[in-house]
Protein backbone atom coordinates (compact mmCIF):
# COMPACT_ATOMS: atom_id res chain seq x y z
CA MET A 1 -1.77 -150.10 -164.12
CA THR A 2 -4.99 -152.43 -163.99
CA ASN A 3 -7.31 -153.23 -161.46
CA PRO A 4 -6.66 -156.00 -159.21
CA GLU A 5 -9.66 -158.64 -159.59
CA PRO A 6 -11.97 -158.66 -156.25
CA VAL A 7 -12.15 -160.81 -154.09
CA LYS A 8 -15.21 -163.44 -154.06
CA GLU A 9 -16.36 -164.80 -150.82
CA LYS A 10 -17.62 -168.10 -151.18
CA VAL A 11 -21.25 -167.43 -149.74
CA GLU A 12 -22.24 -170.54 -147.78
CA GLU A 13 -26.35 -171.03 -147.70
CA LYS A 14 -27.49 -170.17 -144.17
CA LYS A 15 -29.60 -173.46 -143.19
CA PRO A 16 -32.35 -172.48 -140.44
CA ARG A 17 -31.51 -173.66 -137.01
CA PRO A 18 -33.14 -176.80 -135.64
CA LEU A 19 -36.27 -176.61 -134.43
CA THR A 20 -36.61 -177.16 -130.56
CA ASP A 21 -39.45 -179.52 -129.13
CA ARG A 22 -41.81 -176.92 -128.37
CA GLU A 23 -41.33 -175.25 -132.12
CA LYS A 24 -41.98 -178.67 -133.80
CA LYS A 25 -45.67 -178.69 -131.90
CA TYR A 26 -46.28 -175.01 -132.65
CA VAL A 27 -45.13 -175.83 -136.51
CA LYS A 28 -47.46 -179.04 -136.42
CA HIS A 29 -50.52 -177.23 -134.74
CA ARG A 30 -50.06 -174.41 -136.96
CA ALA A 31 -50.21 -176.57 -140.27
CA GLU A 32 -53.20 -178.51 -138.75
CA GLY A 33 -54.97 -174.68 -139.29
CA CYS A 34 -54.61 -173.78 -135.38
CA LYS A 35 -54.47 -170.05 -134.81
CA VAL A 36 -51.32 -168.72 -133.94
CA GLY A 37 -51.99 -168.01 -130.06
CA GLU A 38 -53.67 -171.55 -129.75
CA SER A 39 -50.61 -173.06 -131.29
CA SER A 40 -48.11 -171.45 -128.99
CA LEU A 41 -50.29 -172.60 -125.94
CA ARG A 42 -51.03 -176.20 -127.25
CA ALA A 43 -47.29 -176.09 -127.77
CA GLY A 44 -46.22 -175.47 -124.17
CA PHE A 45 -45.39 -171.81 -124.23
CA ALA A 46 -46.43 -169.85 -121.60
CA THR A 47 -48.62 -167.01 -123.67
CA PRO A 48 -50.40 -167.04 -126.71
CA GLN A 49 -48.74 -163.77 -127.75
CA TYR A 50 -45.49 -165.77 -127.97
CA GLY A 51 -46.77 -167.43 -130.90
CA THR A 52 -46.66 -163.93 -132.87
CA TYR A 53 -42.88 -164.06 -132.20
CA LEU A 54 -42.87 -167.65 -133.26
CA LYS A 55 -44.57 -166.79 -136.45
CA GLY A 56 -41.89 -164.23 -137.30
CA GLN A 57 -38.85 -166.42 -136.94
CA GLU A 58 -36.98 -167.59 -140.54
CA HIS A 59 -37.02 -171.26 -139.35
CA ILE A 60 -40.40 -171.63 -138.21
CA GLN A 61 -41.35 -169.68 -141.57
CA SER A 62 -39.27 -172.57 -143.11
CA ALA A 63 -40.54 -175.44 -141.27
CA LEU A 64 -43.82 -174.30 -141.32
CA ALA A 65 -43.70 -174.14 -145.51
CA ASP A 66 -42.03 -177.59 -145.37
CA ALA A 67 -45.18 -179.15 -143.19
CA LEU A 68 -47.56 -177.44 -145.66
CA VAL A 69 -45.82 -178.77 -149.08
CA GLU A 70 -45.68 -182.36 -146.81
CA ALA A 71 -49.22 -182.14 -146.32
CA GLY A 72 -49.74 -181.55 -150.04
CA LEU A 73 -50.54 -178.02 -149.85
CA THR A 74 -47.95 -177.21 -153.05
CA ASP A 75 -48.07 -174.41 -155.41
CA GLU A 76 -49.59 -176.19 -158.07
CA PHE A 77 -52.28 -177.37 -155.67
CA VAL A 78 -52.81 -173.61 -154.35
CA ALA A 79 -53.20 -172.09 -157.90
CA LYS A 80 -55.61 -174.84 -159.12
CA ARG A 81 -57.87 -173.85 -156.16
CA LEU A 82 -57.21 -170.49 -156.34
CA LYS A 83 -58.32 -170.31 -160.29
CA GLU A 84 -61.51 -172.32 -159.11
CA GLY A 85 -62.35 -169.72 -157.23
CA ALA A 86 -61.46 -167.35 -159.74
CA ASP A 87 -64.13 -168.89 -161.68
CA ALA A 88 -66.77 -169.43 -158.84
CA THR A 89 -70.62 -168.97 -159.86
CA HIS A 90 -73.65 -169.00 -157.96
CA PRO A 91 -76.36 -172.24 -158.55
CA GLU A 92 -79.18 -171.85 -159.78
CA ARG A 93 -82.08 -170.03 -158.04
CA ARG A 94 -85.50 -171.31 -157.87
CA ASN A 95 -88.54 -169.53 -156.62
CA LYS A 96 -90.76 -171.47 -154.09
CA ASP A 97 -92.86 -173.40 -157.38
CA GLY A 98 -89.20 -174.87 -158.32
CA VAL A 99 -89.03 -172.29 -161.24
CA VAL A 100 -85.63 -171.39 -162.11
CA ILE A 101 -85.51 -167.26 -161.55
CA VAL A 102 -81.78 -167.01 -161.76
CA GLN A 103 -79.62 -169.25 -163.86
CA GLU A 104 -76.08 -169.98 -162.79
CA SER A 105 -74.34 -166.91 -162.59
CA PRO A 106 -71.02 -165.41 -161.63
CA ASP A 107 -69.96 -165.03 -157.80
CA PHE A 108 -68.15 -161.84 -158.26
CA PHE A 109 -67.43 -161.63 -154.41
CA ILE A 110 -65.70 -165.05 -154.52
CA ARG A 111 -63.96 -164.12 -157.91
CA HIS A 112 -62.88 -160.81 -156.35
CA LYS A 113 -61.54 -162.39 -152.97
CA HIS A 114 -59.78 -165.15 -155.18
CA ILE A 115 -58.02 -162.93 -157.30
CA GLU A 116 -56.96 -160.36 -154.55
CA THR A 117 -55.22 -163.55 -153.10
CA VAL A 118 -53.38 -164.35 -156.37
CA MET A 119 -52.59 -160.87 -156.58
CA LYS A 120 -50.83 -160.62 -152.86
CA ALA A 121 -49.03 -164.15 -153.84
CA LYS A 122 -47.41 -162.26 -156.92
CA GLY A 123 -46.62 -159.01 -154.98
CA SER A 124 -49.07 -156.76 -157.51
CA LEU A 125 -51.51 -155.94 -153.92
CA THR A 126 -49.15 -154.92 -151.03
CA GLN A 127 -50.12 -153.11 -147.85
CA GLU A 128 -47.07 -150.15 -147.42
CA GLY A 129 -47.48 -147.52 -145.17
CA GLY A 130 -51.10 -148.09 -144.78
CA THR A 131 -51.64 -147.60 -148.36
CA THR A 132 -52.71 -150.68 -151.14
CA LYS A 133 -51.45 -150.64 -154.51
CA ASN A 134 -53.56 -151.97 -156.89
CA THR A 135 -53.67 -153.19 -160.34
CA GLN A 136 -56.46 -152.58 -162.43
CA ILE A 137 -58.55 -154.58 -164.09
CA ASN A 138 -61.23 -153.32 -166.63
CA ILE A 139 -64.43 -156.17 -166.68
CA ILE A 140 -66.56 -156.27 -169.59
CA VAL A 141 -70.31 -156.27 -168.70
CA THR A 142 -72.26 -158.56 -171.15
CA PRO A 143 -75.81 -158.39 -171.40
CA ASP A 144 -76.46 -161.17 -169.20
CA VAL A 145 -74.69 -159.75 -166.70
CA ALA A 146 -76.67 -156.93 -167.08
CA LYS A 147 -79.90 -158.15 -167.08
CA GLY A 148 -78.21 -160.03 -163.79
CA PHE A 149 -78.22 -156.77 -162.39
CA LEU A 150 -81.47 -155.52 -163.48
CA ASP A 151 -83.17 -158.52 -162.16
CA SER A 152 -81.41 -158.36 -158.81
CA GLY A 153 -82.07 -154.42 -158.61
CA VAL A 154 -78.95 -153.57 -156.98
CA ILE A 155 -78.64 -150.51 -159.20
CA ASP A 156 -80.96 -147.26 -159.63
CA LYS A 157 -83.67 -146.50 -161.95
CA LYS A 158 -81.41 -144.44 -164.06
CA GLU A 159 -78.86 -146.84 -164.34
CA HIS A 160 -81.86 -149.05 -165.40
CA LYS A 161 -82.71 -147.40 -168.11
CA ASP A 162 -79.24 -146.84 -169.37
CA LEU A 163 -78.69 -150.76 -168.98
CA LYS A 164 -82.35 -151.84 -170.54
CA GLU A 165 -80.95 -149.51 -173.63
CA TYR A 166 -77.61 -151.19 -173.53
CA ILE A 167 -79.28 -154.90 -173.33
CA GLU A 168 -81.57 -153.85 -176.51
CA HIS A 169 -78.58 -152.51 -178.43
CA GLU A 170 -76.49 -155.67 -177.67
CA LYS A 171 -79.15 -157.97 -178.74
CA GLU A 172 -80.02 -155.60 -182.03
CA SER A 173 -76.06 -155.73 -183.25
CA GLY A 174 -75.63 -159.33 -181.67
């Protein structure tokens, strides 16, 4: 005896419910960059805390995503800006006489923040149960970066000695 073929139900795509006038105002203010509570009050809701409730609603999230795309904040635009941030550099630094003391150098803080944002967006870095899942990234320190560490004075004397030897070794072999 053969098994009967399972009945396939027609699954309709669930459309988000239409927004009320106040919800439309809330989405408009959020898309303009207002904070959650401020957007809630400007839209005419009684408390700023109501904005936190709205923020979690699927139809609000969908409308906000549409509003951001309409404003030009597409996935491609965001990806381009994140890549620019991941390549961020400090400008040249000059002393009081105008002499360059530090040439353009990587801005690791900004790079870190942008890479962290990309990882969060891709789901590689998430908050679950109070712990953070991290992805290991190996960073290669070139002689120029090592010299920057030495010049900035952010390392202790032993590391300074080891780094000097590394720089000299790399210059001789390279």
